[in-house]
Amino acid sequence: MSALEPDELTRLLTEAIEPIRPSPDAYRQIRAGIARRRRWRIPVFTLGGMVMAALIGLAVVAIRPSPSSQVVEPAAPPVQPSTASEPSRAATVPSLGGGGHSSSGGTHGSTPGSATRPPTSPLPTRPTQSVSSPPATPTSTQSSTPVSTTGPGSPQLPTPVAKPAGVNDIDGDGQPDTVAVDGTNLRVRFSRDGQQARVPLASIVTPLNSAVVDIDGDGFGELLVQTQVANGTKSYALLRYVSLDELVAVTPPSGLALGAGVHGNSGLGLRCADRTLQISTGTSTDGTQFSVVTTTLGFTPDGLTVQDTATSTVRLPADPSPFVVACGALS
């Protein structure tokens, strides 16, 4: 083969390379093809997903067992308590030789042809557990302490309108109540509902000397009534509102009394303090210098309880006397 001329070689190379050179028309054709493929891609993918979901649903339906093929075991019956025991075995078995019967002679023996077996005890009964009856609760033979349903905080008490209570307001409705005496009975008419309470006392001083003071500040006034005067000492009764239209007498702890005055070498005083009641008891050897024990009492649902005690010394009549009553109008 003869060598090509340089011009011929250049022409052949140019013809070979020319078709693959980029041109604006080639770019337009490429973009048009890409756009056509993009328009068809979303519908094809959507159709393929739907076909795949249908195939999965058919597969689930095909492999799921039918309801008729499932075996349902019946529920076990509830366990019931049973007290029946198995029957005992026969104490006497028939004779193997036949023909004879056991004697009715008791413990003297048996007739020939019969064999006597000692009685057997009944077979032990298998314990069963009851599923319906709860375990028995042991009962106590001791009587329980009755629970008080009256007093501060009980459902029977009405709601006071103010704390502390107003003047002469026992039932806490904001209006004064009326206190009167009938022999040895104290009568209180409540403004809340017009009802009347009657409280019998051992004695009552007439004309009536009383005072309504909300000592504990719960919105219900306590009623102090002078009951007697003896040897220069006054005695008092304390009544408390415990439920609707009901008053009860409150007794101080043992060894203490509600009173005021001096008799010989002993003195007694009563004072309404800040939500407490103070009782002062004094003793003396000469009638002038007294050793005083002041007991502070607080109100509880059960009555009066001791909170504190203090001691002091006073000389009468130079020092202010603690043996007086200082509660509201009683002073």
Protein backbone atom coordinates (compact mmCIF):
# COMPACT_ATOMS: atom_id res chain seq x y z
CA MET A 1 0.00 0.00 0.00
CA SER A 2 1.40 3.31 -1.03
CA ALA A 3 1.72 6.07 1.54
CA LEU A 4 -0.96 8.71 1.65
CA GLU A 5 -0.19 12.20 0.84
CA PRO A 6 -0.34 14.62 3.71
CA ASP A 7 -3.34 16.43 2.26
CA GLU A 8 -5.20 13.15 1.76
CA LEU A 9 -4.46 12.06 5.31
CA THR A 10 -5.71 15.40 6.70
CA ARG A 11 -8.97 15.11 4.76
CA LEU A 12 -9.62 11.56 5.96
CA LEU A 13 -9.00 12.49 9.62
CA THR A 14 -11.25 15.53 9.32
CA GLU A 15 -14.09 13.42 7.90
CA ALA A 16 -13.68 10.92 10.76
CA ILE A 17 -13.71 13.52 13.57
CA GLU A 18 -16.31 15.95 12.21
CA PRO A 19 -19.47 13.90 13.12
CA ILE A 20 -18.60 13.84 16.87
CA ARG A 21 -17.94 17.52 17.29
CA PRO A 22 -20.47 19.21 19.61
CA SER A 23 -22.95 21.50 18.06
CA PRO A 24 -26.06 23.43 19.23
CA ASP A 25 -28.28 21.03 17.36
CA ALA A 26 -26.72 18.03 19.13
CA TYR A 27 -27.31 19.64 22.53
CA ARG A 28 -30.95 20.29 21.67
CA GLN A 29 -31.44 16.66 20.68
CA ILE A 30 -29.86 15.42 23.94
CA ARG A 31 -32.06 17.71 26.08
CA ALA A 32 -35.15 16.63 24.20
CA GLY A 33 -34.37 12.98 24.95
CA ILE A 34 -33.83 13.67 28.62
CA ALA A 35 -37.16 15.51 28.84
CA ARG A 36 -38.99 12.60 27.21
CA ARG A 37 -37.50 10.11 29.67
CA ARG A 38 -38.40 12.38 32.64
CA ARG A 39 -42.07 12.59 31.59
CA TRP A 40 -42.35 8.83 31.52
CA ARG A 41 -40.36 8.15 34.74
CA ILE A 42 -43.02 9.23 37.34
CA PRO A 43 -45.95 7.30 35.80
CA VAL A 44 -43.79 4.21 35.41
CA PHE A 45 -42.59 4.38 39.03
CA THR A 46 -46.15 4.93 40.29
CA LEU A 47 -47.49 2.00 38.31
CA GLY A 48 -44.63 -0.19 39.54
CA GLY A 49 -45.37 0.73 43.20
CA MET A 50 -49.05 -0.11 42.82
CA VAL A 51 -48.21 -3.44 41.24
CA MET A 52 -45.78 -4.22 44.06
CA ALA A 53 -48.39 -3.32 46.75
CA ALA A 54 -50.95 -5.56 45.06
CA LEU A 55 -48.48 -8.47 44.97
CA ILE A 56 -47.71 -8.02 48.68
CA GLY A 57 -51.42 -7.96 49.57
CA LEU A 58 -52.04 -11.15 47.58
CA ALA A 59 -49.12 -12.83 49.33
CA VAL A 60 -50.47 -11.90 52.79
CA VAL A 61 -53.93 -13.22 51.94
CA ALA A 62 -52.45 -16.41 50.52
CA ILE A 63 -50.32 -17.29 53.55
CA ARG A 64 -52.85 -16.25 56.28
CA PRO A 65 -54.53 -19.30 57.84
CA SER A 66 -58.29 -19.52 57.52
CA PRO A 67 -60.41 -19.08 60.68
CA SER A 68 -61.73 -22.61 60.40
CA SER A 69 -58.21 -24.04 60.68
CA GLN A 70 -57.55 -22.40 64.07
CA VAL A 71 -58.05 -24.63 67.10
CA VAL A 72 -59.73 -22.90 70.03
CA GLU A 73 -59.37 -24.72 73.31
CA PRO A 74 -62.36 -24.43 75.66
CA ALA A 75 -61.77 -22.47 78.86
CA ALA A 76 -61.19 -24.56 81.94
CA PRO A 77 -64.18 -24.59 84.33
CA PRO A 78 -63.68 -22.56 87.53
CA VAL A 79 -62.42 -24.44 90.52
CA GLN A 80 -65.23 -24.97 93.00
CA PRO A 81 -64.70 -25.73 96.66
CA SER A 82 -65.42 -29.34 97.48
CA THR A 83 -66.00 -30.89 100.88
CA ALA A 84 -66.86 -34.39 99.70
CA SER A 85 -64.43 -37.13 100.60
CA GLU A 86 -63.79 -40.41 98.83
CA PRO A 87 -65.86 -43.34 100.10
CA SER A 88 -64.11 -45.60 102.56
CA ARG A 89 -63.31 -49.11 101.65
CA ALA A 90 -65.54 -51.91 102.91
CA ALA A 91 -64.50 -53.19 106.32
CA THR A 92 -65.56 -56.78 105.54
CA VAL A 93 -64.94 -58.71 102.30
CA PRO A 94 -67.00 -61.73 101.25
CA SER A 95 -65.63 -65.22 101.90
CA LEU A 96 -63.63 -66.79 99.16
CA GLY A 97 -65.22 -70.15 99.93
CA GLY A 98 -68.75 -68.81 99.49
CA GLY A 99 -71.96 -69.79 101.17
CA GLY A 100 -71.34 -68.31 104.60
CA HIS A 101 -72.31 -64.97 106.15
CA SER A 102 -70.61 -63.04 108.86
CA SER A 103 -71.88 -63.46 112.37
CA SER A 104 -73.92 -60.78 114.04
CA GLY A 105 -72.33 -61.51 117.37
CA GLY A 106 -70.37 -58.28 117.51
CA THR A 107 -66.83 -58.80 118.80
CA HIS A 108 -67.19 -62.58 119.48
CA GLY A 109 -65.86 -63.54 116.04
CA SER A 110 -67.05 -64.42 112.57
CA THR A 111 -68.46 -67.51 110.93
CA PRO A 112 -66.25 -69.81 108.87
CA GLY A 113 -66.03 -68.93 105.25
CA SER A 114 -65.64 -65.20 105.80
CA ALA A 115 -62.53 -63.09 106.24
CA THR A 116 -62.74 -59.91 108.30
CA ARG A 117 -60.45 -57.01 107.40
CA PRO A 118 -59.93 -54.18 109.87
CA PRO A 119 -61.73 -51.00 108.86
CA THR A 120 -59.67 -48.61 106.92
CA SER A 121 -59.73 -44.86 107.44
CA PRO A 122 -61.14 -42.70 104.66
CA LEU A 123 -58.67 -41.64 102.04
CA PRO A 124 -57.43 -38.10 102.62
CA THR A 125 -59.31 -35.52 100.66
CA ARG A 126 -57.18 -33.46 98.34
CA PRO A 127 -57.53 -29.81 99.35
CA THR A 128 -59.10 -27.58 96.80
CA GLN A 129 -58.77 -23.83 96.60
CA SER A 130 -61.82 -21.64 96.31
CA VAL A 131 -61.59 -18.83 93.83
CA SER A 132 -64.76 -17.04 94.90
CA SER A 133 -64.69 -16.67 98.68
CA PRO A 134 -62.11 -14.21 100.15
CA PRO A 135 -60.01 -15.15 103.16
CA ALA A 136 -61.74 -14.69 106.47
CA THR A 137 -60.87 -11.57 108.38
CA PRO A 138 -60.10 -12.15 112.04
CA THR A 139 -62.48 -10.33 114.33
CA SER A 140 -61.41 -8.63 117.48
CA THR A 141 -63.26 -9.31 120.71
CA GLN A 142 -62.30 -5.92 122.09
CA SER A 143 -64.80 -3.13 121.65
CA SER A 144 -63.58 -0.26 119.51
CA THR A 145 -63.48 3.26 120.82
CA PRO A 146 -66.43 5.25 119.43
CA VAL A 147 -65.40 7.96 117.03
CA SER A 148 -66.62 11.42 117.96
CA THR A 149 -68.79 12.98 115.26
CA THR A 150 -69.08 16.37 116.90
CA GLY A 151 -66.66 19.15 117.66
CA PRO A 152 -64.48 21.41 115.52
CA GLY A 153 -64.01 20.03 112.02
CA SER A 154 -66.96 17.62 112.27
CA PRO A 155 -69.60 17.46 109.50
CA GLN A 156 -72.29 18.58 111.99
CA LEU A 157 -70.73 22.01 112.47
CA PRO A 158 -71.93 24.78 110.14
CA THR A 159 -69.45 27.05 108.40
CA PRO A 160 -68.67 30.20 110.41
CA VAL A 161 -68.90 33.53 108.64
CA ALA A 162 -65.85 35.01 110.40
CA LYS A 163 -62.90 33.96 112.53
CA PRO A 164 -62.89 34.82 115.36
CA ALA A 165 -66.61 35.03 116.03
CA GLY A 166 -68.37 38.35 116.51
CA VAL A 167 -69.87 39.73 119.69
CA ASN A 168 -72.15 37.18 121.46
CA ASP A 169 -72.05 34.95 118.35
CA ILE A 170 -72.06 31.31 119.46
CA ASP A 171 -73.28 29.53 116.29
CA GLY A 172 -70.97 31.42 113.89
CA ASP A 173 -73.64 33.05 111.69
CA GLY A 174 -72.47 36.61 112.40
CA GLN A 175 -75.50 37.47 114.57
CA PRO A 176 -75.67 37.59 118.39
CA ASP A 177 -77.42 34.73 120.18
CA THR A 178 -79.68 35.05 123.23
CA VAL A 179 -78.68 33.53 126.59
CA ALA A 180 -81.19 33.16 129.44
CA VAL A 181 -81.52 31.18 132.67
CA ASP A 182 -84.39 28.97 133.80
CA GLY A 183 -83.69 27.68 137.31
CA THR A 184 -80.57 25.56 136.91
CA ASN A 185 -81.04 25.28 133.17
CA LEU A 186 -79.25 27.55 130.74
CA ARG A 187 -81.28 28.36 127.63
CA VAL A 188 -79.58 29.57 124.44
CA ARG A 189 -81.61 30.62 121.40
CA PHE A 190 -79.55 30.48 118.20
CA SER A 191 -80.02 33.16 115.58
CA ARG A 192 -78.97 30.81 112.78
CA ASP A 193 -82.20 28.81 112.75
CA GLY A 194 -84.22 30.03 115.75
CA GLN A 195 -83.75 26.76 117.64
CA GLN A 196 -83.12 26.65 121.38
CA ALA A 197 -80.62 24.59 123.35
CA ARG A 198 -81.17 23.77 127.03
CA VAL A 199 -78.12 22.89 129.15
CA PRO A 200 -78.63 21.74 132.75
CA LEU A 201 -76.01 22.92 135.29
CA ALA A 202 -75.56 22.16 138.97
CA SER A 203 -76.16 25.80 139.85
CA ILE A 204 -76.35 29.20 138.18
CA VAL A 205 -75.87 32.61 139.77
CA THR A 206 -78.78 34.98 139.23
CA PRO A 207 -79.00 37.51 137.86
CA LEU A 208 -77.10 35.83 135.04
CA ASN A 209 -73.43 36.73 134.79
CA SER A 210 -72.02 35.37 131.51
CA ALA A 211 -69.81 36.20 128.56
CA VAL A 212 -69.38 34.86 125.00
CA VAL A 213 -65.72 34.75 123.95
CA ASP A 214 -64.23 32.94 120.92
CA ILE A 215 -61.26 31.69 122.92
CA ASP A 216 -59.79 29.35 120.26
CA GLY A 217 -60.65 31.62 117.31
CA ASP A 218 -62.52 28.97 115.31
CA GLY A 219 -65.50 31.22 114.50
CA PHE A 220 -67.78 29.82 117.25
CA GLY A 221 -68.03 31.59 120.61
CA GLU A 222 -67.46 29.80 123.90
CA LEU A 223 -69.91 30.62 126.71
CA LEU A 224 -68.65 31.31 130.26
CA VAL A 225 -71.31 31.31 132.98
CA GLN A 226 -70.85 32.07 136.69
CA THR A 227 -72.28 29.19 138.66
CA GLN A 228 -71.70 30.13 142.31
CA VAL A 229 -69.88 32.34 144.84
CA ALA A 230 -68.39 30.84 148.01
CA ASN A 231 -65.85 32.25 150.48
CA GLY A 232 -64.90 35.07 148.15
CA THR A 233 -64.19 32.76 145.20
CA LYS A 234 -66.35 32.71 142.05
CA SER A 235 -66.85 29.52 140.07
CA TYR A 236 -67.59 29.29 136.35
CA ALA A 237 -68.81 26.79 133.78
CA LEU A 238 -67.48 26.72 130.21
CA LEU A 239 -69.82 25.68 127.38
CA ARG A 240 -68.70 24.94 123.85
CA TYR A 241 -70.61 24.79 120.53
CA VAL A 242 -70.02 21.25 119.21
CA SER A 243 -72.69 20.76 116.54
CA LEU A 244 -75.76 22.44 115.11
CA ASP A 245 -77.88 23.78 118.01
CA GLU A 246 -75.87 21.82 120.60
CA LEU A 247 -73.76 23.05 123.52
CA VAL A 248 -71.76 20.89 125.96
CA ALA A 249 -69.93 21.75 129.18
CA VAL A 250 -66.12 21.50 128.98
CA THR A 251 -64.28 20.30 132.09
CA PRO A 252 -60.64 21.32 132.69
CA PRO A 253 -58.02 18.63 133.40
CA SER A 254 -57.84 17.03 136.82
CA GLY A 255 -56.55 19.33 139.58
CA LEU A 256 -57.70 22.52 137.84
CA ALA A 257 -60.87 24.55 138.28
CA LEU A 258 -62.49 27.51 136.55
CA GLY A 259 -62.70 30.25 139.13
CA ALA A 260 -61.35 33.53 140.45
CA GLY A 261 -60.64 34.93 143.91
CA VAL A 262 -58.56 34.52 147.06
CA HIS A 263 -59.59 32.55 150.11
CA GLY A 264 -57.11 32.49 152.97
CA ASN A 265 -53.80 31.13 151.71
CA SER A 266 -55.06 29.95 148.31
CA GLY A 267 -55.94 31.82 145.13
CA LEU A 268 -57.49 31.01 141.80
CA GLY A 269 -57.57 32.99 138.55
CA LEU A 270 -58.90 32.63 134.99
CA ARG A 271 -57.73 34.48 131.89
CA CYS A 272 -58.54 34.24 128.15
CA ALA A 273 -55.25 34.61 126.27
CA ASP A 274 -54.26 34.25 122.60
CA ARG A 275 -56.34 31.23 121.51
CA THR A 276 -55.71 29.64 124.92
CA LEU A 277 -57.18 29.57 128.39
CA GLN A 278 -54.91 30.24 131.40
CA ILE A 279 -55.67 29.03 134.91
CA SER A 280 -53.56 30.45 137.77
CA THR A 281 -53.37 28.58 141.08
CA GLY A 282 -51.59 30.17 144.05
CA THR A 283 -50.60 29.09 147.55
CA SER A 284 -49.24 31.16 150.42
CA THR A 285 -48.09 30.79 154.01
CA ASP A 286 -48.84 34.30 155.19
CA GLY A 287 -51.72 35.32 152.93
CA THR A 288 -49.69 37.98 151.12
CA GLN A 289 -46.87 36.31 149.20
CA PHE A 290 -48.16 33.65 146.81
CA SER A 291 -46.35 31.05 144.72
CA VAL A 292 -48.32 30.95 141.48
CA VAL A 293 -48.50 28.15 138.90
CA THR A 294 -50.06 29.26 135.60
CA THR A 295 -51.30 26.43 133.33
CA THR A 296 -52.00 27.20 129.67
CA LEU A 297 -54.78 25.08 128.16
CA GLY A 298 -55.59 24.59 124.49
CA PHE A 299 -58.78 23.40 122.82
CA THR A 300 -58.88 20.04 121.04
CA PRO A 301 -61.83 17.94 119.76
CA ASP A 302 -61.65 16.06 123.09
CA GLY A 303 -61.76 19.19 125.28
CA LEU A 304 -59.06 21.14 127.12
CA THR A 305 -55.46 19.89 127.14
CA VAL A 306 -52.39 21.22 128.93
CA GLN A 307 -49.94 23.04 126.65
CA ASP A 308 -47.57 24.74 129.10
CA THR A 309 -46.99 25.61 132.76
CA ALA A 310 -45.11 28.53 134.34
CA THR A 311 -44.33 29.54 137.93
CA SER A 312 -44.07 32.98 139.49
CA THR A 313 -44.30 34.83 142.82
CA VAL A 314 -46.61 37.73 143.64
CA ARG A 315 -47.13 39.80 146.78
CA LEU A 316 -50.61 41.07 147.44
CA PRO A 317 -51.89 43.71 147.37
CA ALA A 318 -48.75 45.40 146.05
CA ASP A 319 -48.52 43.38 142.81
CA PRO A 320 -51.29 42.98 140.23
CA SER A 321 -53.37 40.01 141.29
CA PRO A 322 -53.50 36.97 138.95
CA PHE A 323 -56.50 35.66 140.88
CA VAL A 324 -59.16 37.39 138.80
CA VAL A 325 -61.27 36.49 135.76
CA ALA A 326 -60.37 38.24 132.51
CA CYS A 327 -62.48 36.88 129.65
CA GLY A 328 -64.52 39.29 127.58
CA ALA A 329 -67.20 40.93 129.67
CA LEU A 330 -66.10 38.94 132.76
CA SER A 331 -63.38 41.16 134.17
